[in-house]
């Protein structure tokens, strides 16, 4: 029983960290897109 609780908590923590990572990647991609738009406007 204790093992199941620990496994559940570890899985939940991994899920939360994955969401934060995906959010960070999304922000990076968005900033890269903005830089490309700026470069295209300058030409």
N, C-alpha and C. Protein backbone atom coordinates (compact mmCIF):
# COMPACT_ATOMS: atom_id res chain seq x y z
N UNK A 1 0.83 -1.19 0.00
CA UNK A 1 0.00 0.00 0.00
C UNK A 1 0.87 1.26 0.00
N UNK A 2 1.90 1.25 0.84
CA UNK A 2 2.79 2.40 0.92
C UNK A 2 3.54 2.61 -0.40
N UNK A 3 3.88 1.49 -1.02
CA UNK A 3 4.60 1.54 -2.29
C UNK A 3 3.74 2.18 -3.39
N UNK A 4 2.46 1.86 -3.39
CA UNK A 4 1.54 2.43 -4.37
C UNK A 4 1.41 3.93 -4.18
N UNK A 5 1.34 4.38 -2.96
CA UNK A 5 1.24 5.81 -2.67
C UNK A 5 2.49 6.55 -3.14
N UNK A 6 3.64 5.98 -2.88
CA UNK A 6 4.90 6.61 -3.31
C UNK A 6 4.97 6.65 -4.83
N UNK A 7 4.60 5.57 -5.48
CA UNK A 7 4.61 5.53 -6.94
C UNK A 7 3.66 6.56 -7.53
N UNK A 8 2.49 6.70 -6.93
CA UNK A 8 1.52 7.69 -7.40
C UNK A 8 2.05 9.11 -7.24
N UNK A 9 2.66 9.41 -6.11
CA UNK A 9 3.20 10.74 -5.88
C UNK A 9 4.35 11.06 -6.84
N UNK A 10 5.22 10.10 -7.06
CA UNK A 10 6.33 10.31 -7.99
C UNK A 10 5.81 10.53 -9.41
N UNK A 11 4.82 9.77 -9.81
CA UNK A 11 4.24 9.94 -11.15
C UNK A 11 3.59 11.31 -11.30
N UNK A 12 2.90 11.75 -10.27
CA UNK A 12 2.25 13.06 -10.30
C UNK A 12 3.28 14.17 -10.40
N UNK A 13 4.37 14.04 -9.66
CA UNK A 13 5.42 15.06 -9.71
C UNK A 13 6.07 15.10 -11.10
N UNK A 14 6.28 13.95 -11.71
CA UNK A 14 6.86 13.89 -13.06
C UNK A 14 5.92 14.54 -14.07
N UNK A 15 4.64 14.32 -13.90
CA UNK A 15 3.66 14.93 -14.80
C UNK A 15 3.69 16.44 -14.69
N UNK A 16 3.76 16.96 -13.47
CA UNK A 16 3.80 18.40 -13.28
C UNK A 16 5.06 19.02 -13.88
N UNK A 17 6.18 18.37 -13.71
CA UNK A 17 7.41 18.92 -14.27
C UNK A 17 7.38 18.88 -15.79
N UNK A 18 6.75 17.87 -16.36
CA UNK A 18 6.63 17.80 -17.81
C UNK A 18 5.79 18.95 -18.34
N UNK A 19 4.75 19.32 -17.62
CA UNK A 19 3.91 20.45 -18.05
C UNK A 19 4.72 21.73 -18.03
N UNK A 20 5.53 21.93 -17.01
CA UNK A 20 6.35 23.14 -16.94
C UNK A 20 7.36 23.16 -18.07
N UNK A 21 7.92 22.02 -18.39
CA UNK A 21 8.88 21.94 -19.48
C UNK A 21 8.22 22.28 -20.81
N UNK A 22 7.06 21.74 -21.06
CA UNK A 22 6.35 22.02 -22.31
C UNK A 22 5.98 23.50 -22.40
N UNK A 23 5.62 24.10 -21.28
CA UNK A 23 5.29 25.52 -21.27
C UNK A 23 6.52 26.35 -21.63
N UNK A 24 7.66 25.97 -21.09
CA UNK A 24 8.91 26.66 -21.39
C UNK A 24 9.29 26.53 -22.86
N UNK A 25 9.12 25.35 -23.41
CA UNK A 25 9.41 25.14 -24.83
C UNK A 25 8.49 25.99 -25.69
N UNK A 26 7.23 26.07 -25.30
CA UNK A 26 6.27 26.90 -26.04
C UNK A 26 6.68 28.36 -26.05
N UNK A 27 7.15 28.85 -24.94
CA UNK A 27 7.60 30.26 -24.87
C UNK A 27 8.82 30.48 -25.75
N UNK A 28 9.76 29.52 -25.74
CA UNK A 28 10.95 29.63 -26.57
C UNK A 28 10.59 29.65 -28.05
N UNK A 29 9.69 28.78 -28.45
CA UNK A 29 9.27 28.73 -29.85
C UNK A 29 8.56 30.03 -30.24
N UNK A 30 7.76 30.55 -29.33
CA UNK A 30 7.05 31.80 -29.61
C UNK A 30 8.05 32.95 -29.80
N UNK A 31 9.07 33.04 -28.96
CA UNK A 31 10.06 34.10 -29.10
C UNK A 31 10.84 33.95 -30.40
N UNK A 32 11.15 32.72 -30.78
CA UNK A 32 11.86 32.49 -32.04
C UNK A 32 10.99 32.94 -33.22
N UNK A 33 9.70 32.67 -33.15
CA UNK A 33 8.78 33.11 -34.20
C UNK A 33 8.71 34.62 -34.30
N UNK A 34 8.73 35.28 -33.15
CA UNK A 34 8.69 36.75 -33.15
C UNK A 34 9.96 37.32 -33.79
N UNK A 35 11.11 36.71 -33.52
CA UNK A 35 12.36 37.16 -34.12
C UNK A 35 12.32 36.99 -35.64
N UNK A 36 11.76 35.87 -36.11
CA UNK A 36 11.63 35.66 -37.55
C UNK A 36 10.72 36.69 -38.19
N UNK A 37 9.62 37.01 -37.51
CA UNK A 37 8.71 38.04 -38.03
C UNK A 37 9.41 39.40 -38.12
N UNK A 38 10.15 39.73 -37.08
CA UNK A 38 10.88 41.01 -37.08
C UNK A 38 11.89 41.07 -38.23
N UNK A 39 12.60 39.96 -38.44
CA UNK A 39 13.58 39.92 -39.53
C UNK A 39 12.90 40.04 -40.89
N UNK A 40 11.73 39.43 -41.03
CA UNK A 40 11.02 39.51 -42.31
C UNK A 40 10.49 40.91 -42.56
N UNK A 41 10.10 41.60 -41.53
CA UNK A 41 9.60 42.98 -41.68
C UNK A 41 10.71 43.94 -42.08
N UNK A 42 11.92 43.70 -41.61
CA UNK A 42 13.04 44.60 -41.88
C UNK A 42 13.51 44.51 -43.33
N UNK A 43 13.22 43.39 -44.02
CA UNK A 43 13.68 43.21 -45.40
C UNK A 43 12.85 43.95 -46.35
